[in-house]
Amino acid sequence: MTFGGFSDKPNTAPMADINVTPMVDVMLVLLVIFIITAPLFTHAVKLDLPRAQSAPAPEQPETVSLSIDGQGRIYWNDAAIDRAELDARIAAAAARKPAPELHLRADRDTRYEVIAQVMAAAQAGGLSKIGFVTEPKPATPPAPKE
């Protein structure tokens, strides 16, 4: 909008027209840029690729859930076992190809000694992929703002 000017008329109203010339100039420049760069986006190198068969994807190893409760009892896939049977099952699992992953879940009250013994037995038996399973922390609601 323009206010005033060098006119002899005392009651000149402000000019209310929008000047679109700069916008048109910018749009034309962008149009030229897109016209020049558009062929670069579709340019591809023509290749005659060879055809080949690939090996099948490797099998995903199964997972074994090993749980330890607060009293130190051990559960193999939710079935209660004793320490001697644990060693036998670890050896049998390690013999499979690919070796299964061991997911270790321990109760909060479990003694660390029991967990360390189970981990040592798994490593000695040949199971090297051991993961710890935990429960996610509950989301706490945000504190109210004052």
C-alpha atoms as a PDB file:
ATOM      1  CA  MET A   1       0.000   0.000   0.000  1.00  0.00           C
ATOM      2  CA  THR A   2       1.214   3.458  -0.735  1.00  0.00           C
ATOM      3  CA  PHE A   3       0.449   6.510   1.296  1.00  0.00           C
ATOM      4  CA  GLY A   4       0.620   9.893  -0.243  1.00  0.00           C
ATOM      5  CA  GLY A   5       2.571  11.096  -3.176  1.00  0.00           C
ATOM      6  CA  PHE A   6       3.234  14.296  -5.081  1.00  0.00           C
ATOM      7  CA  SER A   7      -0.276  15.066  -6.071  1.00  0.00           C
ATOM      8  CA  ASP A   8      -2.174  18.298  -5.915  1.00  0.00           C
ATOM      9  CA  LYS A   9      -5.339  16.477  -4.874  1.00  0.00           C
ATOM     10  CA  PRO A  10      -5.761  16.710  -1.103  1.00  0.00           C
ATOM     11  CA  ASN A  11      -8.095  13.671  -0.695  1.00  0.00           C
ATOM     12  CA  THR A  12      -6.135  10.953  -2.444  1.00  0.00           C
ATOM     13  CA  ALA A  13      -7.056   7.442  -1.209  1.00  0.00           C
ATOM     14  CA  PRO A  14      -4.285   4.913  -0.554  1.00  0.00           C
ATOM     15  CA  MET A  15      -3.510   2.513  -3.398  1.00  0.00           C
ATOM     16  CA  ALA A  16      -4.920  -0.950  -2.600  1.00  0.00           C
ATOM     17  CA  ASP A  17      -3.467  -2.973  -5.499  1.00  0.00           C
ATOM     18  CA  ILE A  18      -1.035  -5.828  -4.874  1.00  0.00           C
ATOM     19  CA  ASN A  19       2.140  -5.719  -6.911  1.00  0.00           C
ATOM     20  CA  VAL A  20       2.560  -9.257  -8.298  1.00  0.00           C
ATOM     21  CA  THR A  21       5.555  -8.549 -10.533  1.00  0.00           C
ATOM     22  CA  PRO A  22       8.189  -9.809  -8.040  1.00  0.00           C
ATOM     23  CA  MET A  23       6.187 -12.986  -7.464  1.00  0.00           C
ATOM     24  CA  VAL A  24       5.912 -13.616 -11.213  1.00  0.00           C
ATOM     25  CA  ASP A  25       9.651 -13.039 -11.607  1.00  0.00           C
ATOM     26  CA  VAL A  26      10.460 -15.587  -8.914  1.00  0.00           C
ATOM     27  CA  MET A  27       8.043 -18.125 -10.398  1.00  0.00           C
ATOM     28  CA  LEU A  28       9.590 -17.741 -13.861  1.00  0.00           C
ATOM     29  CA  VAL A  29      13.087 -18.249 -12.457  1.00  0.00           C
ATOM     30  CA  LEU A  30      11.936 -21.395 -10.650  1.00  0.00           C
ATOM     31  CA  LEU A  31      10.254 -22.650 -13.835  1.00  0.00           C
ATOM     32  CA  VAL A  32      13.487 -22.227 -15.787  1.00  0.00           C
ATOM     33  CA  ILE A  33      15.452 -24.050 -13.063  1.00  0.00           C
ATOM     34  CA  PHE A  34      13.005 -26.970 -13.091  1.00  0.00           C
ATOM     35  CA  ILE A  35      13.044 -27.166 -16.890  1.00  0.00           C
ATOM     36  CA  ILE A  36      16.844 -27.368 -16.871  1.00  0.00           C
ATOM     37  CA  THR A  37      17.128 -29.907 -14.006  1.00  0.00           C
ATOM     38  CA  ALA A  38      14.168 -32.180 -14.870  1.00  0.00           C
ATOM     39  CA  PRO A  39      16.090 -34.246 -17.462  1.00  0.00           C
ATOM     40  CA  LEU A  40      18.790 -34.959 -14.874  1.00  0.00           C
ATOM     41  CA  PHE A  41      16.260 -36.728 -12.637  1.00  0.00           C
ATOM     42  CA  THR A  42      15.230 -39.179 -15.359  1.00  0.00           C
ATOM     43  CA  HIS A  43      18.711 -39.835 -16.728  1.00  0.00           C
ATOM     44  CA  ALA A  44      19.763 -43.409 -16.083  1.00  0.00           C
ATOM     45  CA  VAL A  45      22.700 -45.493 -17.171  1.00  0.00           C
ATOM     46  CA  LYS A  46      21.590 -48.407 -19.317  1.00  0.00           C
ATOM     47  CA  LEU A  47      23.200 -51.616 -18.087  1.00  0.00           C
ATOM     48  CA  ASP A  48      22.848 -55.221 -19.127  1.00  0.00           C
ATOM     49  CA  LEU A  49      22.934 -56.860 -15.697  1.00  0.00           C
ATOM     50  CA  PRO A  50      23.877 -60.525 -15.365  1.00  0.00           C
ATOM     51  CA  ARG A  51      21.350 -63.012 -14.030  1.00  0.00           C
ATOM     52  CA  ALA A  52      22.331 -65.201 -11.072  1.00  0.00           C
ATOM     53  CA  GLN A  53      20.779 -67.298  -8.353  1.00  0.00           C
ATOM     54  CA  SER A  54      21.612 -66.341  -4.810  1.00  0.00           C
ATOM     55  CA  ALA A  55      21.882 -68.623  -1.837  1.00  0.00           C
ATOM     56  CA  PRO A  56      18.752 -68.894   0.284  1.00  0.00           C
ATOM     57  CA  ALA A  57      18.570 -66.570   3.246  1.00  0.00           C
ATOM     58  CA  PRO A  58      20.062 -68.094   6.380  1.00  0.00           C
ATOM     59  CA  GLU A  59      17.633 -69.515   8.867  1.00  0.00           C
ATOM     60  CA  GLN A  60      16.805 -67.359  11.828  1.00  0.00           C
ATOM     61  CA  PRO A  61      17.896 -69.112  15.011  1.00  0.00           C
ATOM     62  CA  GLU A  62      15.148 -70.069  17.376  1.00  0.00           C
ATOM     63  CA  THR A  63      15.023 -68.515  20.802  1.00  0.00           C
ATOM     64  CA  VAL A  64      15.069 -70.322  24.102  1.00  0.00           C
ATOM     65  CA  SER A  65      13.436 -68.587  27.036  1.00  0.00           C
ATOM     66  CA  LEU A  66      15.323 -69.326  30.235  1.00  0.00           C
ATOM     67  CA  SER A  67      13.601 -67.963  33.337  1.00  0.00           C
ATOM     68  CA  ILE A  68      14.853 -67.829  36.913  1.00  0.00           C
ATOM     69  CA  ASP A  69      12.417 -67.079  39.729  1.00  0.00           C
ATOM     70  CA  GLY A  70      13.177 -65.430  43.067  1.00  0.00           C
ATOM     71  CA  GLN A  71      13.993 -68.755  44.756  1.00  0.00           C
ATOM     72  CA  GLY A  72      16.527 -69.711  42.070  1.00  0.00           C
ATOM     73  CA  ARG A  73      14.360 -72.278  40.237  1.00  0.00           C
ATOM     74  CA  ILE A  74      15.149 -72.504  36.519  1.00  0.00           C
ATOM     75  CA  TYR A  75      12.541 -72.772  33.742  1.00  0.00           C
ATOM     76  CA  TRP A  76      13.413 -73.782  30.157  1.00  0.00           C
ATOM     77  CA  ASN A  77      10.646 -72.439  27.869  1.00  0.00           C
ATOM     78  CA  ASP A  78       8.295 -72.288  30.894  1.00  0.00           C
ATOM     79  CA  ALA A  79       9.047 -75.893  31.957  1.00  0.00           C
ATOM     80  CA  ALA A  80      10.755 -76.328  35.347  1.00  0.00           C
ATOM     81  CA  ILE A  81      14.148 -78.073  35.170  1.00  0.00           C
ATOM     82  CA  ASP A  82      16.993 -78.743  37.590  1.00  0.00           C
ATOM     83  CA  ARG A  83      20.659 -77.765  37.240  1.00  0.00           C
ATOM     84  CA  ALA A  84      21.780 -81.127  35.769  1.00  0.00           C
ATOM     85  CA  GLU A  85      19.043 -81.036  33.138  1.00  0.00           C
ATOM     86  CA  LEU A  86      20.003 -77.441  32.308  1.00  0.00           C
ATOM     87  CA  ASP A  87      23.503 -78.505  31.276  1.00  0.00           C
ATOM     88  CA  ALA A  88      22.111 -81.304  29.102  1.00  0.00           C
ATOM     89  CA  ARG A  89      19.603 -78.993  27.387  1.00  0.00           C
ATOM     90  CA  ILE A  90      22.257 -76.340  26.774  1.00  0.00           C
ATOM     91  CA  ALA A  91      24.537 -78.937  25.169  1.00  0.00           C
ATOM     92  CA  ALA A  92      21.674 -80.215  22.977  1.00  0.00           C
ATOM     93  CA  ALA A  93      20.714 -76.690  21.946  1.00  0.00           C
ATOM     94  CA  ALA A  94      24.319 -75.738  21.146  1.00  0.00           C
ATOM     95  CA  ALA A  95      24.583 -78.781  18.840  1.00  0.00           C
ATOM     96  CA  ARG A  96      21.774 -77.428  16.621  1.00  0.00           C
ATOM     97  CA  LYS A  97      22.669 -75.350  13.586  1.00  0.00           C
ATOM     98  CA  PRO A  98      22.178 -72.434  13.860  1.00  0.00           C
ATOM     99  CA  ALA A  99      22.566 -72.307  17.614  1.00  0.00           C
ATOM    100  CA  PRO A 100      19.520 -70.759  19.316  1.00  0.00           C
ATOM    101  CA  GLU A 101      19.575 -67.456  21.113  1.00  0.00           C
ATOM    102  CA  LEU A 102      19.120 -67.590  24.866  1.00  0.00           C
ATOM    103  CA  HIS A 103      16.709 -65.059  26.355  1.00  0.00           C
ATOM    104  CA  LEU A 104      17.367 -64.837  30.077  1.00  0.00           C
ATOM    105  CA  ARG A 105      14.586 -63.540  32.300  1.00  0.00           C
ATOM    106  CA  ALA A 106      15.313 -63.259  36.009  1.00  0.00           C
ATOM    107  CA  ASP A 107      13.080 -62.196  38.858  1.00  0.00           C
ATOM    108  CA  ARG A 108      14.020 -59.009  40.671  1.00  0.00           C
ATOM    109  CA  ASP A 109      14.721 -61.019  43.865  1.00  0.00           C
ATOM    110  CA  THR A 110      17.008 -63.560  42.158  1.00  0.00           C
ATOM    111  CA  ARG A 111      20.514 -63.739  43.573  1.00  0.00           C
ATOM    112  CA  TYR A 112      23.157 -62.592  41.134  1.00  0.00           C
ATOM    113  CA  GLU A 113      25.146 -65.743  41.885  1.00  0.00           C
ATOM    114  CA  VAL A 114      22.442 -67.918  40.289  1.00  0.00           C
ATOM    115  CA  ILE A 115      22.309 -65.687  37.194  1.00  0.00           C
ATOM    116  CA  ALA A 116      26.101 -65.763  36.858  1.00  0.00           C
ATOM    117  CA  GLN A 117      26.129 -69.590  37.164  1.00  0.00           C
ATOM    118  CA  VAL A 118      23.472 -69.942  34.445  1.00  0.00           C
ATOM    119  CA  MET A 119      25.351 -67.560  32.157  1.00  0.00           C
ATOM    120  CA  ALA A 120      28.616 -69.426  32.724  1.00  0.00           C
ATOM    121  CA  ALA A 121      26.914 -72.759  32.023  1.00  0.00           C
ATOM    122  CA  ALA A 122      25.417 -71.396  28.797  1.00  0.00           C
ATOM    123  CA  GLN A 123      28.754 -70.045  27.610  1.00  0.00           C
ATOM    124  CA  ALA A 124      30.590 -73.237  28.564  1.00  0.00           C
ATOM    125  CA  GLY A 125      27.937 -75.270  26.741  1.00  0.00           C
ATOM    126  CA  GLY A 126      28.377 -73.290  23.524  1.00  0.00           C
ATOM    127  CA  LEU A 127      25.521 -70.774  23.601  1.00  0.00           C
ATOM    128  CA  SER A 128      27.151 -67.414  23.087  1.00  0.00           C
ATOM    129  CA  LYS A 129      24.124 -65.280  22.172  1.00  0.00           C
ATOM    130  CA  ILE A 130      22.500 -64.363  25.470  1.00  0.00           C
ATOM    131  CA  GLY A 131      19.967 -61.576  25.836  1.00  0.00           C
ATOM    132  CA  PHE A 132      18.385 -60.182  28.985  1.00  0.00           C
ATOM    133  CA  VAL A 133      14.628 -59.654  28.950  1.00  0.00           C
ATOM    134  CA  THR A 134      13.223 -56.891  31.132  1.00  0.00           C
ATOM    135  CA  GLU A 135       9.885 -55.221  31.622  1.00  0.00           C
ATOM    136  CA  PRO A 136       9.626 -51.664  30.322  1.00  0.00           C
ATOM    137  CA  LYS A 137       9.321 -48.948  32.909  1.00  0.00           C
ATOM    138  CA  PRO A 138       5.728 -47.696  33.177  1.00  0.00           C
ATOM    139  CA  ALA A 139       5.232 -44.281  31.688  1.00  0.00           C
ATOM    140  CA  THR A 140       4.788 -41.678  34.367  1.00  0.00           C
ATOM    141  CA  PRO A 141       2.362 -38.896  33.643  1.00  0.00           C
ATOM    142  CA  PRO A 142       3.954 -35.461  33.343  1.00  0.00           C
ATOM    143  CA  ALA A 143       3.881 -33.317  36.442  1.00  0.00           C
ATOM    144  CA  PRO A 144       1.183 -30.661  36.334  1.00  0.00           C
ATOM    145  CA  LYS A 145       2.434 -27.185  35.544  1.00  0.00           C
ATOM    146  CA  GLU A 146       1.716 -24.506  38.032  1.00  0.00           C
END
